Structure formats: C-alpha cells, structure tokens
Amino acid sequence: MQLVLMGGSLRSASLNTRLMRHLAQRLESLGHQVSVFAGEALRLPLYEDGTAPAPETLALHQALLEAQGLVIVSPEYNAGIPGHLKNAVDWLSTMKPSPWPGLPVLLCAASPGAFGGARGHMAWRATLANMGAMALPEALTVPHADQQLDAEGAPTDARTAAAVPKILEGFLSLATRLHAKS
C-alpha cells in the first residue's frame, strides 16, 4: 500500500518529526511504500488565490493522489493546526483533482504537555471532514514526549508503545477497506 506521512514542525529537532520517522519505519517494515513530507518539504509559499503552486506543492499533491492513506503527525499550536500544515492543506484543497474525498487519515501528535497534542486533533478533524477525508476515530498521542520518545522516535512508556501497533493496524484496515471499494 502507498502511504503518505505529513507533518512535524519546521524545526529540525521536532518531537513530531521524530515520531513520524518512527512510524514511517514501522510502516515500511510491514511492507508499505512510504513518502514523507516534513520540514523543508512543507515550507511552502503562503496560499494566495491565482498564484501557481510551487513544485513542492505539486509533489505533495501527486503523492496524495497515488496514496491509499495519509498519516498526519502534527504538533498542536494553541490547540489548533500549525500554520505551515494548514497552508499545505489549503493549497491541496484548491488543486484538481482533489486528493481529499474518501482519503483515510490517521492523526498523530507528540507534545511535552500532558495532553500529547490531542486538542489539536479537534481542529484537524473538522478540517478533514470538510474536505471529505475519513479520519480514523482512534488517534495516536504521546504526552510528555520530551521524556517519552527515544532518539529514534519510539515511545518508551508501555501504554503508548503498546498502542502504536494497534492504532496502525486499525488505520491500515480502514485504508484497505476503503481502497477495496474504490
């Protein structure tokens, strides 16, 4: 299955980017093809109607058109979507054909705070639903991620470590079912 992972912050030391690398490795070890868009690949020009999309935007659009699923690993900025990720979504929402309708999405977040980025998922869910994407009801959050992720991005606490394969399995199952119907 072809999957796209998108997110992290623009900082090279991002906890979310570290988690995303771990998830990409896990998905690849299960035999899936993974394309990762993070950091500089998401430093897109601000969306402006009538402006042509940048090559990076076109690459992300093409990857999503070919994907059977999307994993978003997003920091929570003031309980919302970080500006650079919302900008990418806004660009993609204007491109034809739209990659969003029926696209299965897994939401993930890592945060040094106690909520693990979960509050940002509310904004993501509303945005994704508006575009017709299918967000998995379960999500992966890593609270106290500055203490709970190892150097490779793997969760070190038993609860989160046990949740990762279960959540990925649920997401892959949804993506398989939705892809079989299309």
N, C-alpha and C. Protein backbone atom coordinates (compact mmCIF):
# COMPACT_ATOMS: atom_id res chain seq x y z
N MET A 1 0.85 -1.17 0.00
CA MET A 1 0.00 0.00 0.00
C MET A 1 0.90 1.24 0.00
N GLN A 2 0.50 2.25 -0.74
CA GLN A 2 1.24 3.51 -0.75
C GLN A 2 0.65 4.45 0.28
N LEU A 3 1.51 4.97 1.14
CA LEU A 3 1.08 5.85 2.22
C LEU A 3 1.92 7.12 2.21
N VAL A 4 1.29 8.22 2.60
CA VAL A 4 1.99 9.49 2.76
C VAL A 4 1.97 9.84 4.24
N LEU A 5 3.12 10.27 4.74
CA LEU A 5 3.22 10.81 6.09
C LEU A 5 3.55 12.28 5.94
N MET A 6 2.80 13.12 6.64
CA MET A 6 2.97 14.56 6.52
C MET A 6 2.95 15.17 7.90
N GLY A 7 3.88 16.08 8.14
CA GLY A 7 3.78 16.83 9.39
C GLY A 7 5.08 17.19 10.03
N GLY A 8 5.04 17.15 11.34
CA GLY A 8 6.15 17.66 12.10
C GLY A 8 6.12 19.17 12.11
N SER A 9 7.03 19.75 12.81
CA SER A 9 7.15 21.20 12.74
C SER A 9 8.28 21.51 11.78
N LEU A 10 8.56 22.76 11.58
CA LEU A 10 9.65 23.14 10.69
C LEU A 10 11.01 23.04 11.40
N ARG A 11 11.00 22.85 12.71
CA ARG A 11 12.25 22.70 13.48
C ARG A 11 12.87 21.33 13.23
N SER A 12 14.17 21.30 13.10
CA SER A 12 14.85 20.02 12.86
C SER A 12 14.76 19.09 14.08
N ALA A 13 14.64 19.64 15.28
CA ALA A 13 14.57 18.83 16.49
C ALA A 13 13.13 18.54 16.93
N SER A 14 12.19 18.62 16.03
CA SER A 14 10.77 18.44 16.35
C SER A 14 10.48 17.05 16.91
N LEU A 15 9.75 17.00 18.01
CA LEU A 15 9.29 15.73 18.57
C LEU A 15 8.36 15.02 17.59
N ASN A 16 7.52 15.78 16.90
CA ASN A 16 6.60 15.19 15.95
C ASN A 16 7.32 14.60 14.75
N THR A 17 8.38 15.27 14.29
CA THR A 17 9.17 14.72 13.20
C THR A 17 9.85 13.42 13.64
N ARG A 18 10.33 13.39 14.87
CA ARG A 18 10.95 12.18 15.39
C ARG A 18 9.94 11.03 15.44
N LEU A 19 8.73 11.31 15.93
CA LEU A 19 7.67 10.29 15.96
C LEU A 19 7.32 9.85 14.54
N MET A 20 7.26 10.80 13.62
CA MET A 20 6.91 10.47 12.24
C MET A 20 7.95 9.53 11.62
N ARG A 21 9.22 9.78 11.89
CA ARG A 21 10.27 8.88 11.37
C ARG A 21 10.07 7.46 11.91
N HIS A 22 9.72 7.35 13.17
CA HIS A 22 9.48 6.03 13.77
C HIS A 22 8.29 5.34 13.08
N LEU A 23 7.20 6.08 12.88
CA LEU A 23 6.02 5.50 12.24
C LEU A 23 6.33 5.10 10.80
N ALA A 24 7.10 5.91 10.09
CA ALA A 24 7.48 5.58 8.71
C ALA A 24 8.27 4.27 8.69
N GLN A 25 9.20 4.13 9.61
CA GLN A 25 9.99 2.89 9.67
C GLN A 25 9.11 1.69 9.97
N ARG A 26 8.16 1.84 10.89
CA ARG A 26 7.25 0.73 11.22
C ARG A 26 6.42 0.33 10.02
N LEU A 27 5.88 1.32 9.31
CA LEU A 27 5.05 1.03 8.15
C LEU A 27 5.87 0.39 7.02
N GLU A 28 7.08 0.87 6.82
CA GLU A 28 7.96 0.26 5.81
C GLU A 28 8.30 -1.17 6.19
N SER A 29 8.51 -1.44 7.48
CA SER A 29 8.84 -2.80 7.91
C SER A 29 7.66 -3.76 7.70
N LEU A 30 6.45 -3.20 7.56
CA LEU A 30 5.26 -4.01 7.27
C LEU A 30 5.06 -4.18 5.76
N GLY A 31 5.97 -3.61 4.96
CA GLY A 31 5.92 -3.78 3.52
C GLY A 31 5.22 -2.67 2.75
N HIS A 32 4.92 -1.57 3.40
CA HIS A 32 4.23 -0.46 2.73
C HIS A 32 5.25 0.51 2.15
N GLN A 33 4.84 1.17 1.06
CA GLN A 33 5.66 2.23 0.46
C GLN A 33 5.27 3.54 1.14
N VAL A 34 6.27 4.25 1.63
CA VAL A 34 6.02 5.45 2.42
C VAL A 34 6.72 6.65 1.80
N SER A 35 5.98 7.73 1.63
CA SER A 35 6.55 9.02 1.24
C SER A 35 6.36 9.98 2.41
N VAL A 36 7.43 10.64 2.82
CA VAL A 36 7.39 11.53 3.97
C VAL A 36 7.57 12.97 3.51
N PHE A 37 6.66 13.83 3.96
CA PHE A 37 6.73 15.26 3.69
C PHE A 37 6.81 15.99 5.03
N ALA A 38 7.97 16.55 5.32
CA ALA A 38 8.20 17.22 6.59
C ALA A 38 9.23 18.32 6.38
N GLY A 39 9.38 19.17 7.38
CA GLY A 39 10.42 20.20 7.36
C GLY A 39 10.36 21.05 6.09
N GLU A 40 11.50 21.11 5.39
CA GLU A 40 11.61 21.97 4.21
C GLU A 40 10.62 21.60 3.11
N ALA A 41 10.22 20.34 3.02
CA ALA A 41 9.25 19.93 2.01
C ALA A 41 7.88 20.57 2.24
N LEU A 42 7.66 21.10 3.44
CA LEU A 42 6.39 21.76 3.76
C LEU A 42 6.55 23.26 3.97
N ARG A 43 7.71 23.78 3.65
CA ARG A 43 7.91 25.24 3.73
C ARG A 43 7.44 25.84 2.41
N LEU A 44 6.13 25.87 2.25
CA LEU A 44 5.50 26.29 1.00
C LEU A 44 5.19 27.78 1.03
N PRO A 45 5.14 28.40 -0.15
CA PRO A 45 4.68 29.80 -0.16
C PRO A 45 3.27 29.88 0.40
N LEU A 46 2.94 31.00 1.01
CA LEU A 46 1.59 31.17 1.54
C LEU A 46 0.58 31.07 0.40
N TYR A 47 -0.51 30.37 0.67
CA TYR A 47 -1.53 30.22 -0.35
C TYR A 47 -2.12 31.59 -0.69
N GLU A 48 -2.24 31.83 -1.98
CA GLU A 48 -2.89 33.04 -2.47
C GLU A 48 -3.61 32.68 -3.76
N ASP A 49 -4.90 32.94 -3.80
CA ASP A 49 -5.71 32.62 -4.98
C ASP A 49 -5.08 33.24 -6.22
N GLY A 50 -4.96 32.45 -7.27
CA GLY A 50 -4.39 32.92 -8.52
C GLY A 50 -2.91 32.71 -8.66
N THR A 51 -2.26 32.29 -7.58
CA THR A 51 -0.82 32.02 -7.63
C THR A 51 -0.61 30.55 -7.98
N ALA A 52 0.33 30.29 -8.85
CA ALA A 52 0.62 28.90 -9.24
C ALA A 52 1.27 28.17 -8.08
N PRO A 53 0.94 26.88 -7.89
CA PRO A 53 1.55 26.10 -6.81
C PRO A 53 3.04 25.86 -7.07
N ALA A 54 3.80 25.84 -5.99
CA ALA A 54 5.24 25.57 -6.06
C ALA A 54 5.47 24.10 -6.40
N PRO A 55 6.65 23.76 -6.91
CA PRO A 55 6.96 22.35 -7.21
C PRO A 55 6.77 21.42 -6.01
N GLU A 56 7.08 21.89 -4.80
CA GLU A 56 6.89 21.07 -3.60
C GLU A 56 5.41 20.77 -3.37
N THR A 57 4.56 21.73 -3.67
CA THR A 57 3.12 21.54 -3.54
C THR A 57 2.63 20.53 -4.56
N LEU A 58 3.12 20.64 -5.78
CA LEU A 58 2.75 19.68 -6.82
C LEU A 58 3.19 18.27 -6.45
N ALA A 59 4.37 18.13 -5.85
CA ALA A 59 4.88 16.81 -5.44
C ALA A 59 3.99 16.20 -4.35
N LEU A 60 3.60 17.01 -3.37
CA LEU A 60 2.72 16.54 -2.31
C LEU A 60 1.36 16.15 -2.88
N HIS A 61 0.82 16.95 -3.77
CA HIS A 61 -0.46 16.66 -4.41
C HIS A 61 -0.40 15.33 -5.14
N GLN A 62 0.63 15.13 -5.93
CA GLN A 62 0.76 13.88 -6.69
C GLN A 62 0.88 12.68 -5.76
N ALA A 63 1.68 12.82 -4.71
CA ALA A 63 1.84 11.72 -3.75
C ALA A 63 0.50 11.36 -3.11
N LEU A 64 -0.30 12.36 -2.76
CA LEU A 64 -1.60 12.07 -2.14
C LEU A 64 -2.57 11.45 -3.13
N LEU A 65 -2.51 11.85 -4.38
CA LEU A 65 -3.38 11.24 -5.39
C LEU A 65 -3.07 9.75 -5.55
N GLU A 66 -1.83 9.37 -5.37
CA GLU A 66 -1.40 7.98 -5.53
C GLU A 66 -1.51 7.17 -4.25
N ALA A 67 -1.73 7.84 -3.13
CA ALA A 67 -1.73 7.17 -1.82
C ALA A 67 -3.07 6.53 -1.50
N GLN A 68 -2.99 5.46 -0.71
CA GLN A 68 -4.20 4.83 -0.17
C GLN A 68 -4.48 5.30 1.25
N GLY A 69 -3.59 6.12 1.80
CA GLY A 69 -3.80 6.63 3.15
C GLY A 69 -2.80 7.71 3.49
N LEU A 70 -3.15 8.53 4.47
CA LEU A 70 -2.31 9.63 4.94
C LEU A 70 -2.20 9.55 6.45
N VAL A 71 -0.98 9.69 6.93
CA VAL A 71 -0.72 9.80 8.37
C VAL A 71 -0.24 11.23 8.61
N ILE A 72 -0.98 11.97 9.42
CA ILE A 72 -0.59 13.33 9.78
C ILE A 72 -0.02 13.28 11.19
N VAL A 73 1.21 13.74 11.34
CA VAL A 73 1.85 13.81 12.66
C VAL A 73 2.07 15.29 12.94
N SER A 74 1.17 15.85 13.71
CA SER A 74 1.09 17.31 13.83
C SER A 74 1.28 17.80 15.25
N PRO A 75 2.15 18.79 15.40
CA PRO A 75 2.16 19.47 16.69
C PRO A 75 0.83 20.19 16.90
N GLU A 76 0.60 20.58 18.12
CA GLU A 76 -0.58 21.35 18.47
C GLU A 76 -0.11 22.76 18.78
N TYR A 77 -0.56 23.71 17.99
CA TYR A 77 -0.21 25.11 18.25
C TYR A 77 -1.45 25.81 18.77
N ASN A 78 -1.45 26.15 20.05
CA ASN A 78 -2.59 26.82 20.67
C ASN A 78 -3.89 26.06 20.40
N ALA A 79 -3.85 24.75 20.59
CA ALA A 79 -4.99 23.84 20.41
C ALA A 79 -5.48 23.81 18.97
N GLY A 80 -4.60 24.11 18.02
CA GLY A 80 -5.01 24.12 16.63
C GLY A 80 -3.94 23.54 15.71
N ILE A 81 -4.15 23.77 14.42
CA ILE A 81 -3.27 23.26 13.37
C ILE A 81 -2.13 24.26 13.15
N PRO A 82 -0.89 23.79 13.12
CA PRO A 82 0.23 24.70 12.85
C PRO A 82 0.07 25.36 11.48
N GLY A 83 0.49 26.61 11.38
CA GLY A 83 0.31 27.39 10.17
C GLY A 83 0.87 26.75 8.92
N HIS A 84 2.06 26.15 9.01
CA HIS A 84 2.65 25.57 7.79
C HIS A 84 1.86 24.37 7.29
N LEU A 85 1.26 23.60 8.21
CA LEU A 85 0.46 22.44 7.79
C LEU A 85 -0.90 22.89 7.25
N LYS A 86 -1.50 23.90 7.88
CA LYS A 86 -2.77 24.43 7.37
C LYS A 86 -2.56 25.03 5.98
N ASN A 87 -1.44 25.68 5.78
CA ASN A 87 -1.13 26.24 4.47
C ASN A 87 -1.03 25.14 3.41
N ALA A 88 -0.39 24.03 3.75
CA ALA A 88 -0.30 22.90 2.81
C ALA A 88 -1.69 22.36 2.48
N VAL A 89 -2.52 22.21 3.50
CA VAL A 89 -3.89 21.73 3.30
C VAL A 89 -4.67 22.71 2.42
N ASP A 90 -4.50 24.00 2.66
CA ASP A 90 -5.21 24.99 1.85
C ASP A 90 -4.79 24.92 0.39
N TRP A 91 -3.50 24.78 0.13
CA TRP A 91 -3.04 24.60 -1.26
C TRP A 91 -3.70 23.37 -1.87
N LEU A 92 -3.63 22.25 -1.17
CA LEU A 92 -4.15 20.99 -1.71
C LEU A 92 -5.66 21.05 -1.93
N SER A 93 -6.36 21.83 -1.13
CA SER A 93 -7.81 21.90 -1.27
C SER A 93 -8.24 22.61 -2.55
N THR A 94 -7.32 23.34 -3.18
CA THR A 94 -7.67 24.06 -4.40
C THR A 94 -7.26 23.32 -5.66
N MET A 95 -6.51 22.23 -5.52
CA MET A 95 -5.95 21.55 -6.67
C MET A 95 -6.91 20.47 -7.19
N LYS A 96 -6.87 20.27 -8.48
CA LYS A 96 -7.74 19.28 -9.13
C LYS A 96 -6.90 18.17 -9.72
N PRO A 97 -7.32 16.93 -9.59
CA PRO A 97 -8.44 16.50 -8.75
C PRO A 97 -8.08 16.61 -7.28
N SER A 98 -9.10 16.75 -6.46
CA SER A 98 -8.87 16.85 -5.02
C SER A 98 -8.41 15.51 -4.47
N PRO A 99 -7.36 15.50 -3.66
CA PRO A 99 -6.90 14.25 -3.07
C PRO A 99 -7.70 13.84 -1.84
N TRP A 100 -8.58 14.70 -1.34
CA TRP A 100 -9.19 14.50 -0.04
C TRP A 100 -10.39 13.56 0.02
N PRO A 101 -11.36 13.61 -0.89
CA PRO A 101 -12.57 12.79 -0.70
C PRO A 101 -12.26 11.30 -0.54
N GLY A 102 -12.70 10.74 0.59
CA GLY A 102 -12.53 9.33 0.86
C GLY A 102 -11.14 8.92 1.30
N LEU A 103 -10.21 9.87 1.46
CA LEU A 103 -8.85 9.53 1.87
C LEU A 103 -8.82 9.18 3.35
N PRO A 104 -8.39 7.96 3.70
CA PRO A 104 -8.27 7.61 5.13
C PRO A 104 -7.07 8.33 5.75
N VAL A 105 -7.29 8.89 6.94
CA VAL A 105 -6.25 9.67 7.62
C VAL A 105 -6.12 9.20 9.06
N LEU A 106 -4.88 9.02 9.48
CA LEU A 106 -4.56 8.74 10.87
C LEU A 106 -3.92 9.99 11.46
N LEU A 107 -4.48 10.48 12.56
CA LEU A 107 -3.94 11.65 13.24
C LEU A 107 -3.03 11.21 14.38
N CYS A 108 -1.85 11.83 14.44
CA CYS A 108 -0.87 11.54 15.48
C CYS A 108 -0.29 12.85 15.99
N ALA A 109 0.14 12.85 17.24
CA ALA A 109 0.76 14.05 17.80
C ALA A 109 1.65 13.67 18.97
N ALA A 110 2.69 14.44 19.13
CA ALA A 110 3.59 14.30 20.28
C ALA A 110 3.76 15.69 20.88
N SER A 111 3.74 15.76 22.20
CA SER A 111 3.85 17.06 22.86
C SER A 111 4.51 16.88 24.22
N PRO A 112 5.28 17.87 24.65
CA PRO A 112 5.81 17.80 26.02
C PRO A 112 4.72 17.95 27.07
N GLY A 113 3.54 18.40 26.67
CA GLY A 113 2.43 18.60 27.61
C GLY A 113 1.70 17.32 27.95
N ALA A 114 0.78 17.43 28.88
CA ALA A 114 0.05 16.27 29.40
C ALA A 114 -1.00 15.74 28.43
N PHE A 115 -1.44 16.55 27.47
CA PHE A 115 -2.48 16.10 26.53
C PHE A 115 -1.91 15.45 25.28
N GLY A 116 -0.63 15.53 25.07
CA GLY A 116 0.01 14.85 23.95
C GLY A 116 -0.39 15.38 22.58
N GLY A 117 -0.90 16.59 22.52
CA GLY A 117 -1.31 17.16 21.23
C GLY A 117 -2.74 16.85 20.85
N ALA A 118 -3.49 16.20 21.72
CA ALA A 118 -4.85 15.76 21.40
C ALA A 118 -5.79 16.92 21.09
N ARG A 119 -5.60 18.08 21.71
CA ARG A 119 -6.52 19.20 21.46
C ARG A 119 -6.45 19.67 20.02
N GLY A 120 -5.29 19.58 19.41
CA GLY A 120 -5.15 19.97 18.01
C GLY A 120 -5.92 19.07 17.07
N HIS A 121 -6.18 17.84 17.50
CA HIS A 121 -6.91 16.90 16.64
C HIS A 121 -8.34 17.34 16.37
N MET A 122 -8.92 18.11 17.30
CA MET A 122 -10.29 18.60 17.05
C MET A 122 -10.32 19.50 15.82
N ALA A 123 -9.35 20.38 15.70
CA ALA A 123 -9.28 21.26 14.53
C ALA A 123 -8.99 20.45 13.26
N TRP A 124 -8.09 19.47 13.38
CA TRP A 124 -7.79 18.62 12.22
C TRP A 124 -9.04 17.88 11.77
N ARG A 125 -9.79 17.31 12.69
CA ARG A 125 -10.97 16.52 12.32
C ARG A 125 -12.00 17.38 11.58
N ALA A 126 -12.23 18.59 12.05
CA ALA A 126 -13.19 19.47 11.38
C ALA A 126 -12.70 19.82 9.97
N THR A 127 -11.43 20.13 9.83
CA THR A 127 -10.88 20.49 8.52
C THR A 127 -10.94 19.31 7.57
N LEU A 128 -10.52 18.14 8.03
CA LEU A 128 -10.52 16.95 7.17
C LEU A 128 -11.94 16.55 6.76
N ALA A 129 -12.88 16.61 7.70
CA ALA A 129 -14.27 16.27 7.38
C ALA A 129 -14.83 17.23 6.34
N ASN A 130 -14.49 18.49 6.45
CA ASN A 130 -14.97 19.48 5.49
C ASN A 130 -14.52 19.16 4.07
N MET A 131 -13.35 18.51 3.94
CA MET A 131 -12.82 18.19 2.61
C MET A 131 -13.19 16.78 2.16
N GLY A 132 -13.87 16.02 3.03
CA GLY A 132 -14.32 14.69 2.65
C GLY A 132 -13.36 13.56 3.01
N ALA A 133 -12.30 13.86 3.75
CA ALA A 133 -11.37 12.82 4.18
C ALA A 133 -12.00 12.03 5.32
N MET A 134 -11.50 10.81 5.54
CA MET A 134 -12.05 9.91 6.55
C MET A 134 -11.03 9.71 7.67
N ALA A 135 -11.11 10.53 8.71
CA ALA A 135 -10.18 10.40 9.83
C ALA A 135 -10.57 9.20 10.69
N LEU A 136 -9.59 8.35 10.96
CA LEU A 136 -9.80 7.21 11.85
C LEU A 136 -10.24 7.74 13.22
N PRO A 137 -11.26 7.14 13.84
CA PRO A 137 -11.69 7.64 15.15
C PRO A 137 -10.57 7.59 16.20
N GLU A 138 -9.75 6.55 16.18
CA GLU A 138 -8.64 6.47 17.11
C GLU A 138 -7.51 7.37 16.61
N ALA A 139 -6.71 7.85 17.54
CA ALA A 139 -5.56 8.68 17.20
C ALA A 139 -4.41 8.29 18.11
N LEU A 140 -3.21 8.61 17.68
CA LEU A 140 -2.03 8.35 18.50
C LEU A 140 -1.55 9.66 19.09
N THR A 141 -1.50 9.73 20.40
CA THR A 141 -0.94 10.91 21.07
C THR A 141 0.14 10.44 22.04
N VAL A 142 1.18 11.24 22.12
CA VAL A 142 2.30 10.93 23.02
C VAL A 142 2.48 12.11 23.97
N PRO A 143 1.89 12.02 25.18
CA PRO A 143 2.11 13.08 26.17
C PRO A 143 3.52 12.99 26.74
N HIS A 144 4.01 14.11 27.23
CA HIS A 144 5.35 14.18 27.82
C HIS A 144 6.39 13.59 26.86
N ALA A 145 6.22 13.91 25.58
CA ALA A 145 7.04 13.30 24.54
C ALA A 145 8.52 13.64 24.68
N ASP A 146 8.83 14.76 25.30
CA ASP A 146 10.24 15.09 25.51
C ASP A 146 10.91 14.07 26.43
N GLN A 147 10.11 13.35 27.22
CA GLN A 147 10.62 12.31 28.10
C GLN A 147 10.22 10.91 27.64
N GLN A 148 9.22 10.81 26.75
CA GLN A 148 8.63 9.51 26.40
C GLN A 148 8.96 9.02 24.98
N LEU A 149 9.81 9.73 24.26
CA LEU A 149 10.26 9.25 22.95
C LEU A 149 11.76 9.04 23.01
N ASP A 150 12.21 7.90 22.48
CA ASP A 150 13.65 7.69 22.42
C ASP A 150 14.23 8.47 21.23
N ALA A 151 15.52 8.35 21.00
CA ALA A 151 16.20 9.14 19.95
C ALA A 151 15.66 8.84 18.57
N GLU A 152 15.12 7.64 18.35
CA GLU A 152 14.56 7.26 17.04
C GLU A 152 13.07 7.57 16.93
N GLY A 153 12.48 8.07 18.00
CA GLY A 153 11.07 8.44 17.96
C GLY A 153 10.11 7.38 18.48
N ALA A 154 10.62 6.27 18.96
CA ALA A 154 9.77 5.22 19.51
C ALA A 154 9.31 5.60 20.92
N PRO A 155 8.02 5.42 21.21
CA PRO A 155 7.53 5.68 22.57
C PRO A 155 8.19 4.73 23.57
N THR A 156 8.57 5.27 24.72
CA THR A 156 9.23 4.44 25.74
C THR A 156 8.29 4.02 26.85
N ASP A 157 7.13 4.67 26.99
CA ASP A 157 6.20 4.23 28.03
C ASP A 157 5.38 3.05 27.49
N ALA A 158 5.09 2.11 28.34
CA ALA A 158 4.45 0.85 27.92
C ALA A 158 3.09 1.06 27.27
N ARG A 159 2.28 1.96 27.79
CA ARG A 159 0.95 2.17 27.25
C ARG A 159 1.00 2.67 25.81
N THR A 160 1.80 3.68 25.56
CA THR A 160 1.88 4.24 24.21
C THR A 160 2.56 3.26 23.26
N ALA A 161 3.61 2.61 23.73
CA ALA A 161 4.31 1.63 22.88
C ALA A 161 3.35 0.51 22.46
N ALA A 162 2.47 0.08 23.34
CA ALA A 162 1.51 -0.98 23.01
C ALA A 162 0.41 -0.46 22.09
N ALA A 163 0.11 0.83 22.17
CA ALA A 163 -0.95 1.40 21.34
C ALA A 163 -0.53 1.56 19.89
N VAL A 164 0.76 1.79 19.63
CA VAL A 164 1.22 2.05 18.26
C VAL A 164 0.81 0.95 17.29
N PRO A 165 1.15 -0.32 17.53
CA PRO A 165 0.77 -1.33 16.54
C PRO A 165 -0.74 -1.50 16.39
N LYS A 166 -1.49 -1.34 17.47
CA LYS A 166 -2.95 -1.46 17.40
C LYS A 166 -3.56 -0.34 16.56
N ILE A 167 -3.09 0.88 16.77
CA ILE A 167 -3.63 2.01 16.02
C ILE A 167 -3.22 1.91 14.55
N LEU A 168 -1.97 1.53 14.29
CA LEU A 168 -1.55 1.36 12.89
C LEU A 168 -2.36 0.26 12.21
N GLU A 169 -2.63 -0.82 12.91
CA GLU A 169 -3.43 -1.91 12.35
C GLU A 169 -4.84 -1.44 12.01
N GLY A 170 -5.44 -0.65 12.90
CA GLY A 170 -6.78 -0.11 12.63
C GLY A 170 -6.78 0.81 11.42
N PHE A 171 -5.77 1.65 11.32
CA PHE A 171 -5.65 2.56 10.18
C PHE A 171 -5.45 1.79 8.88
N LEU A 172 -4.56 0.82 8.89
CA LEU A 172 -4.30 0.03 7.67
C LEU A 172 -5.53 -0.76 7.27
N SER A 173 -6.28 -1.24 8.24
CA SER A 173 -7.51 -1.97 7.94
C SER A 173 -8.54 -1.04 7.28
N LEU A 174 -8.69 0.17 7.81
CA LEU A 174 -9.60 1.14 7.21
C LEU A 174 -9.16 1.47 5.79
N ALA A 175 -7.88 1.74 5.61
CA ALA A 175 -7.36 2.09 4.28
C ALA A 175 -7.58 0.95 3.29
N THR A 176 -7.39 -0.28 3.74
CA THR A 176 -7.59 -1.43 2.87
C THR A 176 -9.05 -1.54 2.47
N ARG A 177 -9.95 -1.40 3.44
CA ARG A 177 -11.39 -1.49 3.15
C ARG A 177 -11.85 -0.38 2.21
N LEU A 178 -11.40 0.84 2.47
CA LEU A 178 -11.81 1.95 1.61
C LEU A 178 -11.20 1.82 0.21
N HIS A 179 -9.97 1.35 0.12
CA HIS A 179 -9.34 1.19 -1.18
C HIS A 179 -10.01 0.07 -1.99
N ALA A 180 -10.47 -0.97 -1.31
CA ALA A 180 -11.13 -2.08 -2.00
C ALA A 180 -12.44 -1.63 -2.64
N LYS A 181 -13.09 -0.61 -2.05
CA LYS A 181 -14.37 -0.12 -2.56
C LYS A 181 -14.21 0.85 -3.72
N SER A 182 -13.00 1.37 -3.90
CA SER A 182 -12.83 2.39 -4.97
C SER A 182 -12.39 1.77 -6.28
